Protein backbone atom coordinates (compact mmCIF):
# COMPACT_ATOMS: atom_id res chain seq x y z
CA MET A 1 -33.41 -63.08 -106.72
CA ALA A 2 -36.07 -64.49 -104.04
CA LYS A 3 -37.64 -62.08 -101.68
CA GLN A 4 -36.78 -62.91 -98.01
CA LYS A 5 -39.70 -63.95 -95.57
CA VAL A 6 -40.27 -61.07 -93.10
CA GLN A 7 -42.70 -60.28 -90.65
CA LYS A 8 -41.87 -56.62 -89.63
CA ILE A 9 -39.42 -54.07 -91.31
CA VAL A 10 -37.64 -51.04 -89.85
CA LEU A 11 -37.10 -48.30 -92.76
CA ALA A 12 -34.90 -45.42 -92.81
CA TYR A 13 -37.48 -42.70 -93.93
CA SER A 14 -36.56 -39.07 -94.79
CA GLY A 15 -40.27 -38.48 -96.39
CA GLY A 16 -38.04 -37.59 -100.09
CA LEU A 17 -39.09 -39.18 -103.33
CA ASP A 18 -37.42 -42.79 -102.90
CA THR A 19 -38.15 -43.50 -98.99
CA SER A 20 -41.88 -42.52 -99.93
CA VAL A 21 -42.03 -45.34 -102.61
CA ILE A 22 -39.98 -47.59 -100.70
CA LEU A 23 -42.34 -47.55 -97.96
CA GLY A 24 -45.57 -48.60 -100.25
CA TRP A 25 -43.23 -51.01 -102.11
CA LEU A 26 -42.11 -53.31 -99.44
CA LYS A 27 -45.58 -53.18 -98.18
CA GLN A 28 -46.67 -54.30 -101.14
CA GLU A 29 -43.55 -56.78 -101.93
CA TYR A 30 -43.17 -58.42 -98.86
CA GLN A 31 -46.79 -58.20 -97.11
CA ALA A 32 -45.41 -57.16 -94.05
CA GLU A 33 -45.65 -54.23 -91.46
CA VAL A 34 -43.41 -51.51 -92.21
CA ILE A 35 -42.25 -48.97 -88.70
CA ALA A 36 -40.70 -45.83 -90.51
CA TYR A 37 -37.82 -44.33 -88.31
CA CYS A 38 -36.40 -40.93 -88.96
CA ALA A 39 -33.20 -39.41 -87.13
CA ASP A 40 -33.45 -35.80 -86.48
CA VAL A 41 -29.86 -34.94 -86.94
CA GLY A 42 -30.58 -31.24 -88.19
CA GLN A 43 -32.33 -31.49 -91.31
CA GLY A 44 -34.45 -28.29 -90.04
CA GLU A 45 -37.89 -27.88 -91.59
CA GLU A 46 -37.55 -30.85 -94.02
CA LEU A 47 -38.91 -33.11 -91.02
CA ALA A 48 -42.05 -31.05 -90.51
CA PRO A 49 -44.08 -33.20 -92.99
CA VAL A 50 -42.36 -36.71 -92.30
CA ASP A 51 -44.93 -38.09 -89.92
CA GLY A 52 -47.95 -37.63 -91.94
CA LYS A 53 -46.32 -38.37 -95.08
CA ALA A 54 -45.35 -41.93 -93.56
CA ARG A 55 -48.43 -42.80 -92.15
CA ALA A 56 -50.09 -41.97 -95.51
CA SER A 57 -47.98 -44.39 -97.26
CA GLY A 58 -48.76 -47.04 -94.66
CA ALA A 59 -46.47 -46.88 -91.98
CA SER A 60 -47.83 -48.87 -88.87
CA HIS A 61 -45.49 -46.27 -86.47
CA VAL A 62 -43.62 -43.20 -87.32
CA ILE A 63 -40.77 -42.86 -85.10
CA ILE A 64 -38.58 -38.98 -85.10
CA GLU A 65 -35.98 -38.52 -82.80
CA ASP A 66 -34.16 -35.70 -81.95
CA LEU A 67 -30.42 -37.19 -82.05
CA ARG A 68 -28.90 -33.71 -82.77
CA GLU A 69 -26.76 -33.23 -79.72
CA ASP A 70 -26.18 -37.05 -79.67
CA PHE A 71 -24.95 -36.46 -83.57
CA ALA A 72 -22.75 -33.44 -82.38
CA ARG A 73 -21.09 -34.75 -79.25
CA ASP A 74 -21.00 -38.77 -80.01
CA TYR A 75 -19.95 -38.60 -83.74
CA VAL A 76 -18.88 -34.64 -84.82
CA PHE A 77 -16.64 -33.86 -82.04
CA PRO A 78 -14.41 -36.99 -82.21
CA ILE A 79 -13.86 -36.24 -85.86
CA LEU A 80 -13.14 -32.94 -85.29
CA ARG A 81 -10.93 -34.12 -82.52
CA ALA A 82 -8.96 -36.32 -85.13
CA ASN A 83 -8.50 -33.52 -87.57
CA ALA A 84 -10.32 -35.74 -89.87
CA LEU A 85 -10.69 -34.87 -93.46
CA TYR A 86 -11.19 -37.63 -96.31
CA GLU A 87 -8.73 -36.95 -99.25
CA GLY A 88 -7.85 -33.82 -97.50
CA THR A 89 -10.72 -31.86 -98.12
CA TYR A 90 -14.16 -33.86 -97.20
CA MET A 91 -15.48 -32.50 -93.67
CA LEU A 92 -17.09 -36.32 -93.63
CA GLY A 93 -20.74 -34.55 -92.62
CA THR A 94 -22.67 -37.46 -94.83
CA SER A 95 -20.60 -40.09 -93.56
CA ILE A 96 -20.63 -39.70 -90.16
CA ALA A 97 -24.39 -39.18 -89.54
CA ARG A 98 -24.88 -42.64 -91.17
CA PRO A 99 -23.76 -44.58 -87.93
CA LEU A 100 -25.74 -43.14 -85.66
CA ILE A 101 -28.84 -43.05 -87.99
CA ALA A 102 -28.32 -47.44 -88.36
CA ARG A 103 -27.27 -47.33 -84.81
CA ARG A 104 -30.58 -46.04 -83.73
CA GLN A 105 -32.38 -47.87 -86.44
CA ALA A 106 -31.11 -51.40 -85.75
CA GLU A 107 -31.87 -50.37 -81.95
CA VAL A 108 -35.26 -49.88 -82.48
CA ALA A 109 -36.28 -52.51 -84.92
CA LEU A 110 -34.83 -54.63 -81.69
CA GLN A 111 -36.98 -52.98 -79.59
CA PHE A 112 -40.04 -53.44 -81.70
CA GLY A 113 -39.36 -56.95 -82.57
CA ALA A 114 -38.60 -56.47 -86.15
CA ASP A 115 -36.80 -58.87 -88.14
CA ALA A 116 -35.44 -56.92 -91.07
CA VAL A 117 -34.33 -53.28 -91.39
CA ALA A 118 -34.18 -51.17 -94.86
CA HIS A 119 -33.04 -48.23 -96.39
CA GLY A 120 -32.92 -46.33 -99.62
CA ALA A 121 -29.14 -45.95 -100.31
CA THR A 122 -28.57 -46.45 -104.04
CA GLY A 123 -26.36 -49.39 -105.23
CA LYS A 124 -23.78 -47.17 -106.34
CA GLY A 125 -23.32 -44.84 -103.32
CA ASN A 126 -21.43 -45.64 -100.00
CA ASP A 127 -24.39 -44.81 -97.31
CA GLN A 128 -25.52 -48.62 -98.61
CA VAL A 129 -22.26 -49.65 -97.12
CA ARG A 130 -22.34 -47.30 -93.96
CA PHE A 131 -25.94 -48.58 -93.36
CA GLU A 132 -24.95 -52.46 -93.43
CA LEU A 133 -21.64 -52.46 -91.97
CA THR A 134 -23.21 -50.43 -88.64
CA PHE A 135 -26.40 -53.19 -88.78
CA ALA A 136 -23.53 -55.77 -89.25
CA ALA A 137 -21.61 -54.41 -86.17
CA LEU A 138 -24.70 -54.31 -83.87
CA ALA A 139 -27.51 -56.23 -84.88
CA PRO A 140 -25.95 -58.75 -87.63
CA GLN A 141 -29.81 -61.03 -86.68
CA LEU A 142 -31.69 -58.66 -88.80
CA LYS A 143 -32.34 -58.98 -92.24
CA ILE A 144 -30.99 -56.46 -94.56
CA ILE A 145 -33.45 -54.94 -97.60
CA ALA A 146 -31.90 -52.70 -99.95
CA PRO A 147 -34.76 -52.00 -102.94
CA TRP A 148 -32.67 -50.06 -105.01
CA ARG A 149 -30.45 -53.59 -105.33
CA ASP A 150 -33.27 -55.55 -106.01
CA TRP A 151 -36.27 -53.71 -108.01
CA GLU A 152 -36.69 -53.06 -111.38
CA PHE A 153 -36.72 -49.13 -111.02
CA GLN A 154 -33.78 -47.28 -113.16
CA GLY A 155 -34.57 -43.72 -111.83
CA ARG A 156 -37.11 -41.10 -110.49
CA ALA A 157 -39.47 -41.45 -113.87
CA ASP A 158 -39.88 -45.07 -112.28
CA LEU A 159 -40.37 -44.19 -109.37
CA ILE A 160 -43.31 -41.29 -109.75
CA ALA A 161 -44.77 -43.73 -112.29
CA TYR A 162 -45.00 -46.34 -109.70
CA ALA A 163 -45.79 -43.36 -106.90
CA GLU A 164 -48.98 -42.12 -108.86
CA LYS A 165 -50.12 -45.68 -109.80
CA HIS A 166 -50.69 -46.86 -106.51
CA ARG A 167 -51.27 -43.50 -104.57
CA ILE A 168 -48.15 -43.17 -102.35
CA PRO A 169 -48.16 -39.40 -101.91
CA ILE A 170 -44.79 -38.01 -102.24
CA PRO A 171 -43.15 -34.37 -102.60
CA VAL A 172 -44.79 -32.22 -105.44
CA SER A 173 -42.67 -29.61 -105.54
CA LYS A 174 -40.50 -28.91 -108.78
CA GLU A 175 -37.53 -31.46 -109.23
CA LYS A 176 -34.22 -29.98 -108.45
CA PRO A 177 -31.50 -30.56 -110.68
CA TYR A 178 -29.60 -32.45 -108.08
CA SER A 179 -29.68 -34.31 -104.83
CA SER A 180 -29.03 -32.72 -101.24
CA ASP A 181 -28.51 -34.40 -97.88
CA ARG A 182 -28.71 -32.04 -94.76
CA ASN A 183 -27.46 -32.59 -91.19
CA LEU A 184 -25.98 -30.22 -88.36
CA LEU A 185 -22.28 -30.50 -89.59
CA HIS A 186 -23.18 -29.70 -93.32
CA ILE A 187 -24.94 -30.04 -96.23
CA SER A 188 -23.94 -31.90 -99.52
CA PHE A 189 -24.78 -31.28 -103.19
CA GLU A 190 -24.52 -34.11 -105.92
CA GLY A 191 -25.84 -35.69 -108.93
CA GLY A 192 -28.00 -33.74 -111.65
CA ILE A 193 -26.37 -30.86 -113.24
CA LEU A 194 -23.07 -31.54 -110.89
CA GLU A 195 -22.26 -34.60 -112.83
CA ASP A 196 -20.30 -32.61 -115.14
CA PRO A 197 -17.08 -31.21 -112.65
CA TRP A 198 -16.60 -28.70 -115.30
CA LEU A 199 -19.44 -27.01 -114.63
CA GLU A 200 -19.75 -24.16 -111.70
CA PRO A 201 -22.42 -24.92 -109.40
CA TYR A 202 -25.58 -22.27 -109.38
CA GLU A 203 -25.33 -19.78 -106.59
CA ASP A 204 -28.67 -19.92 -105.57
CA MET A 205 -28.07 -24.10 -104.56
CA PHE A 206 -26.20 -22.97 -101.80
CA LEU A 207 -28.46 -22.73 -98.61
CA LEU A 208 -26.14 -22.43 -95.21
CA SER A 209 -23.62 -19.94 -96.88
CA VAL A 210 -23.66 -16.69 -98.80
CA SER A 211 -21.30 -16.43 -101.92
CA PRO A 212 -17.73 -14.86 -100.55
CA GLU A 213 -18.46 -12.29 -102.83
CA LYS A 214 -21.62 -11.09 -100.90
CA ALA A 215 -20.15 -11.46 -97.78
CA PRO A 216 -19.49 -8.56 -95.25
CA ASP A 217 -17.18 -6.03 -96.07
CA GLU A 218 -15.97 -5.85 -92.74
CA ALA A 219 -14.15 -8.91 -91.02
CA GLN A 220 -15.68 -11.07 -87.78
CA TYR A 221 -13.39 -11.91 -84.66
CA LEU A 222 -14.51 -14.42 -82.81
CA GLU A 223 -12.81 -16.53 -79.69
CA VAL A 224 -13.53 -20.76 -79.74
CA ASP A 225 -12.70 -22.04 -76.16
CA TYR A 226 -12.04 -25.79 -75.85
CA GLU A 227 -11.74 -28.28 -73.16
CA LYS A 228 -9.68 -31.81 -73.94
CA GLY A 229 -10.01 -31.41 -77.65
CA ASP A 230 -13.80 -29.97 -77.81
CA PRO A 231 -15.00 -26.72 -78.31
CA VAL A 232 -17.07 -25.83 -75.30
CA ALA A 233 -17.76 -21.84 -75.69
CA VAL A 234 -17.83 -19.14 -78.51
CA GLY A 235 -17.55 -15.48 -77.77
CA GLY A 236 -17.46 -16.45 -73.65
CA GLU A 237 -20.60 -18.56 -74.02
CA ARG A 238 -20.73 -22.00 -73.02
CA LEU A 239 -23.00 -24.06 -75.47
CA SER A 240 -24.09 -27.25 -75.86
CA PRO A 241 -22.39 -29.43 -78.95
CA ALA A 242 -25.48 -28.56 -81.06
CA ASN A 243 -26.00 -25.14 -80.53
CA LEU A 244 -22.32 -24.54 -80.61
CA LEU A 245 -22.44 -25.75 -83.80
CA ALA A 246 -25.62 -24.40 -85.32
CA ARG A 247 -24.09 -20.85 -83.98
CA LEU A 248 -20.80 -21.31 -85.99
CA ASN A 249 -22.91 -22.34 -88.91
CA GLU A 250 -24.61 -19.13 -88.76
CA ILE A 251 -21.70 -17.24 -88.24
CA GLY A 252 -19.70 -18.99 -90.94
CA GLY A 253 -22.28 -19.05 -93.29
CA ARG A 254 -22.89 -15.12 -92.94
CA HIS A 255 -19.08 -14.79 -94.20
CA GLY A 256 -19.15 -17.33 -97.02
CA VAL A 257 -17.09 -19.50 -95.24
CA GLY A 258 -17.27 -23.63 -95.81
CA ARG A 259 -17.57 -24.26 -99.33
CA ALA A 260 -16.00 -27.13 -100.86
CA ASP A 261 -16.43 -28.45 -104.38
CA ILE A 262 -14.55 -31.36 -104.97
CA VAL A 263 -14.02 -35.04 -106.64
CA GLU A 264 -14.05 -37.95 -104.20
CA ASN A 265 -13.48 -41.17 -104.66
CA ARG A 266 -16.41 -43.54 -103.87
CA TYR A 267 -15.37 -46.50 -101.54
CA VAL A 268 -17.44 -48.85 -104.25
CA GLY A 269 -14.92 -47.70 -107.15
CA MET A 270 -16.14 -44.78 -108.39
CA LYS A 271 -15.33 -40.95 -108.60
CA SER A 272 -17.99 -38.61 -108.07
CA ARG A 273 -18.31 -34.89 -107.95
CA GLY A 274 -19.81 -33.72 -104.64
CA VAL A 275 -20.57 -29.88 -103.45
CA TYR A 276 -20.56 -29.18 -99.86
CA GLU A 277 -21.40 -26.39 -97.31
CA THR A 278 -19.52 -27.15 -93.93
CA PRO A 279 -19.39 -23.27 -91.58
CA GLY A 280 -19.06 -24.41 -88.72
CA GLY A 281 -17.13 -27.48 -89.03
CA THR A 282 -14.50 -25.21 -90.95
CA ILE A 283 -14.22 -22.83 -88.09
CA LEU A 284 -13.69 -25.57 -85.29
CA HIS A 285 -11.23 -27.40 -87.68
CA ALA A 286 -8.84 -24.10 -88.28
CA ALA A 287 -9.82 -23.54 -84.14
CA HIS A 288 -8.59 -26.75 -83.17
CA ARG A 289 -5.29 -26.85 -85.03
CA ALA A 290 -4.85 -23.78 -83.32
CA VAL A 291 -4.85 -24.68 -79.75
CA GLU A 292 -2.96 -27.91 -80.95
CA SER A 293 -0.05 -26.06 -82.20
CA LEU A 294 0.43 -25.04 -78.50
CA THR A 295 -0.19 -27.68 -76.69
CA LEU A 296 0.59 -31.21 -78.63
CA ASP A 297 3.89 -32.38 -78.50
CA ARG A 298 5.86 -32.20 -81.41
CA GLU A 299 5.86 -36.18 -82.02
CA VAL A 300 2.29 -36.89 -80.90
CA MET A 301 1.48 -34.49 -83.56
CA HIS A 302 3.36 -35.56 -86.29
CA LEU A 303 2.15 -39.28 -85.37
CA ARG A 304 -1.68 -38.25 -85.46
CA ASP A 305 -1.36 -36.31 -88.66
CA SER A 306 -0.02 -39.38 -90.14
CA LEU A 307 -3.02 -41.18 -89.47
CA ILE A 308 -5.27 -39.03 -90.34
CA PRO A 309 -5.85 -40.44 -94.16
CA ARG A 310 -6.48 -43.62 -92.34
CA TYR A 311 -8.75 -42.35 -89.81
CA ALA A 312 -10.83 -40.66 -92.27
CA GLU A 313 -10.95 -43.30 -94.44
CA MET A 314 -12.53 -45.64 -92.13
CA VAL A 315 -15.13 -43.08 -91.31
CA TYR A 316 -15.76 -42.59 -95.08
CA TYR A 317 -16.39 -46.36 -95.91
CA GLY A 318 -18.28 -46.85 -93.26
CA TYR A 319 -16.14 -48.51 -90.59
CA TRP A 320 -17.10 -46.47 -87.31
CA PHE A 321 -17.78 -49.41 -85.22
CA ALA A 322 -14.86 -51.63 -85.90
CA PRO A 323 -12.42 -52.31 -83.71
CA GLU A 324 -9.91 -50.57 -85.64
CA ARG A 325 -11.59 -46.95 -85.93
CA GLU A 326 -12.60 -47.45 -81.96
CA MET A 327 -8.38 -48.26 -80.92
CA LEU A 328 -7.37 -45.12 -82.89
CA GLN A 329 -9.94 -42.72 -81.80
CA THR A 330 -8.63 -43.61 -78.11
CA ALA A 331 -5.19 -42.95 -79.29
CA ILE A 332 -6.40 -39.91 -80.50
CA ASP A 333 -8.56 -38.99 -77.55
CA GLN A 334 -5.62 -39.63 -75.44
CA SER A 335 -3.44 -36.85 -77.18
CA GLN A 336 -6.27 -34.37 -76.43
CA GLN A 337 -5.83 -34.37 -72.97
CA ASN A 338 -4.22 -30.80 -72.69
CA VAL A 339 -5.64 -29.68 -75.83
CA THR A 340 -7.18 -26.60 -73.63
CA GLY A 341 -7.53 -23.05 -74.58
CA THR A 342 -8.71 -20.46 -76.49
CA ALA A 343 -8.53 -19.55 -80.46
CA ARG A 344 -8.92 -16.41 -82.25
CA ILE A 345 -10.34 -16.62 -85.33
CA LYS A 346 -10.59 -13.61 -88.37
CA LEU A 347 -13.21 -14.64 -90.75
CA TYR A 348 -13.77 -12.46 -94.20
CA LYS A 349 -15.04 -13.35 -97.79
CA GLY A 350 -15.24 -16.97 -97.36
CA ASN A 351 -11.58 -17.08 -95.35
CA VAL A 352 -10.94 -18.44 -91.80
CA THR A 353 -7.43 -17.17 -90.91
CA VAL A 354 -6.15 -17.91 -87.04
CA VAL A 355 -5.03 -14.78 -85.51
CA GLY A 356 -4.59 -15.81 -81.91
CA ARG A 357 -4.25 -18.60 -79.47
CA LYS A 358 -3.58 -19.10 -75.97
CA ALA A 359 -3.59 -22.20 -73.47
CA GLU A 360 -2.69 -22.48 -69.68
CA ARG A 361 -0.68 -25.48 -70.32
CA SER A 362 1.11 -24.18 -73.54
CA LEU A 363 4.27 -25.61 -74.47
CA PHE A 364 5.17 -22.59 -76.38
CA ASP A 365 7.96 -20.67 -74.12
CA PRO A 366 9.10 -17.47 -75.52
CA GLY A 367 12.25 -17.30 -73.98
CA ILE A 368 13.44 -20.50 -75.57
CA ALA A 369 12.07 -19.49 -79.16
CA SER A 370 12.96 -15.59 -78.70
CA PHE A 371 15.93 -14.61 -81.36
CA GLU A 372 16.49 -11.73 -78.67
CA GLU A 373 17.75 -13.67 -75.23
CA ALA A 374 19.22 -17.32 -74.66
CA GLY A 375 16.42 -18.82 -72.58
CA GLY A 376 18.35 -21.28 -71.48
CA TYR A 377 19.21 -22.47 -74.91
CA ARG A 378 22.85 -22.69 -75.89
CA GLN A 379 23.23 -22.14 -79.89
CA SER A 380 26.19 -23.58 -79.84
CA ASP A 381 24.74 -27.29 -79.22
CA ALA A 382 23.48 -26.91 -82.63
CA THR A 383 26.92 -27.63 -84.23
CA GLY A 384 26.97 -31.40 -82.90
CA PHE A 385 23.27 -31.90 -83.47
CA ILE A 386 23.63 -30.81 -87.32
CA SER A 387 27.05 -33.03 -87.21
CA LEU A 388 25.24 -35.93 -86.11
CA ASN A 389 22.62 -35.51 -88.49
CA GLY A 390 24.31 -34.66 -91.45
CA LEU A 391 26.58 -38.05 -90.71
CA ARG A 392 24.72 -40.07 -93.45
CA LEU A 393 24.47 -37.78 -96.05
CA ARG A 394 28.26 -36.61 -95.93
CA THR A 395 29.27 -40.78 -95.81
CA ARG A 396 26.94 -41.32 -99.08
CA LYS A 397 27.94 -38.68 -100.72
CA LEU A 398 32.13 -39.52 -100.10
CA LYS A 399 31.23 -43.39 -100.87
CA GLN A 400 29.32 -43.26 -103.75
CA GLY A 401 30.81 -40.00 -105.24
């Protein structure tokens, strides 16, 4: 395939083996200026060597942006308002980071007058779709370079050999038998030893949580306050979105909360085994459901819940900036206007249990629900209600035998 002619490329850069090689490869293959862009969405200490590595690999500029608050407020919280779980389990930690990174990457490209963007996603994964659908939606004039779909390298050994030949500085730590991706919402692990879905992950792989067996023998209770569907405080202390999520990651991780081991269906068509740690997100999912149970109308809740699989699919597949996701988000956010209250949560050895909930605009009326008093509800009315709802069933049996 003939290479596109480009003058300046903005590369989504992490400092790992892949993007370190990609930076040098882009400069050599395209004879173009390469700008390294790195978004801080909660990778922690992984970001420390990024600037030096990128400059040593030949980047003309290195941009590292702190997007943790943007990530939590504008990307994580909306999917939590939707109770989004892909295939009923995956909390979309990697999926939801990509549209933010790609959006800012495209904006930096336009700011610097670049004519192309590049990413290190492989041709087998979901991330290539997420990046490129975002570019298509927000900056379609930019050319897209996806080295893993173009170059001759087949795996890590080829990349290491190329880096050594061209004196590209690469990580020198011992290779892990799996790959990982970390942000403020979660950390994911896949590949390597995890490609056998029968094998249990090594315990020393986990970074955010202790094993439930080693978690404290005493349960911890905490309260999470919500306003219009968003968490705003933990234990009565108001926190920014990023700080709240970080606090719950620490608390939940201490109790072994938030581990998931799943085989999921990638958008490109294959099944993939992934292991995830999402302590804070797991707590917030349960707490949000608890406050909703008091404040959401039954039909609104059931309609919204019927849309969760489709919404989660949109996020997982990379359609964050698509009109259908935006339309659905508007409906979900409207449903959250009265979701204000407090959930009381019990954490114990990997379990998250709702043990209390309260809300000023609660739809729960103990007088109506109680078995001990009438509360304005006439039990005799249920006779006609059941009779009418059973009409079609009686008719079917009588007519068809």
